[in-house]
Amino acid sequence: KSVKNSPNPRNYYRCSTEGCPVKKRVERDKEDPSYVIT
């Protein structure tokens, strides 16, 4: 869903596959600071 919008779909997809709901949020914030600021 948000993979297309996300600049790092690989990271998002990877986390989704692993099954880490909490890590997904932290990773997105840490790996995609621009995404969060936007």
C-alpha atoms as a PDB file:
ATOM      1  CA  LYS A   1       0.000   0.000   0.000  1.00  0.00           C
ATOM      2  CA  SER A   2       2.526   2.600   1.117  1.00  0.00           C
ATOM      3  CA  VAL A   3       5.357   0.792  -0.621  1.00  0.00           C
ATOM      4  CA  LYS A   4       4.924   2.775  -3.824  1.00  0.00           C
ATOM      5  CA  ASN A   5       4.848   6.042  -1.933  1.00  0.00           C
ATOM      6  CA  SER A   6       7.790   5.051   0.240  1.00  0.00           C
ATOM      7  CA  PRO A   7      11.269   5.915  -1.102  1.00  0.00           C
ATOM      8  CA  ASN A   8      12.567   2.667   0.387  1.00  0.00           C
ATOM      9  CA  PRO A   9      10.025   0.001  -0.578  1.00  0.00           C
ATOM     10  CA  ARG A  10      12.626  -2.698   0.044  1.00  0.00           C
ATOM     11  CA  ASN A  11      12.943  -1.733   3.692  1.00  0.00           C
ATOM     12  CA  TYR A  12       9.191  -1.521   4.155  1.00  0.00           C
ATOM     13  CA  TYR A  13       8.570  -4.818   2.395  1.00  0.00           C
ATOM     14  CA  ARG A  14      11.375  -6.537   4.249  1.00  0.00           C
ATOM     15  CA  CYS A  15       9.987  -5.492   7.619  1.00  0.00           C
ATOM     16  CA  SER A  16       6.497  -6.554   6.600  1.00  0.00           C
ATOM     17  CA  THR A  17       7.796  -9.972   5.618  1.00  0.00           C
ATOM     18  CA  GLU A  18       9.667 -10.389   8.875  1.00  0.00           C
ATOM     19  CA  GLY A  19       6.574  -9.416  10.834  1.00  0.00           C
ATOM     20  CA  CYS A  20       7.862  -6.556  12.990  1.00  0.00           C
ATOM     21  CA  PRO A  21       5.078  -3.953  13.412  1.00  0.00           C
ATOM     22  CA  VAL A  22       7.030  -2.001  16.009  1.00  0.00           C
ATOM     23  CA  LYS A  23      10.318  -2.139  14.153  1.00  0.00           C
ATOM     24  CA  LYS A  24       8.606  -1.050  10.956  1.00  0.00           C
ATOM     25  CA  ARG A  25       7.696   2.274  12.552  1.00  0.00           C
ATOM     26  CA  VAL A  26      11.145   2.791  14.041  1.00  0.00           C
ATOM     27  CA  GLU A  27      12.935   1.758  10.839  1.00  0.00           C
ATOM     28  CA  ARG A  28      10.829   4.071   8.711  1.00  0.00           C
ATOM     29  CA  ASP A  29      11.601   6.963  11.046  1.00  0.00           C
ATOM     30  CA  LYS A  30      15.312   6.180  11.226  1.00  0.00           C
ATOM     31  CA  GLU A  31      15.884   5.147   7.624  1.00  0.00           C
ATOM     32  CA  ASP A  32      13.460   7.656   6.080  1.00  0.00           C
ATOM     33  CA  PRO A  33      13.807  10.864   8.109  1.00  0.00           C
ATOM     34  CA  SER A  34      12.714  12.888   5.096  1.00  0.00           C
ATOM     35  CA  TYR A  35       9.529  10.829   4.786  1.00  0.00           C
ATOM     36  CA  VAL A  36       8.591  11.565   8.379  1.00  0.00           C
ATOM     37  CA  ILE A  37       9.406  15.274   8.074  1.00  0.00           C
ATOM     38  CA  THR A  38       7.272  15.508   4.959  1.00  0.00           C
END
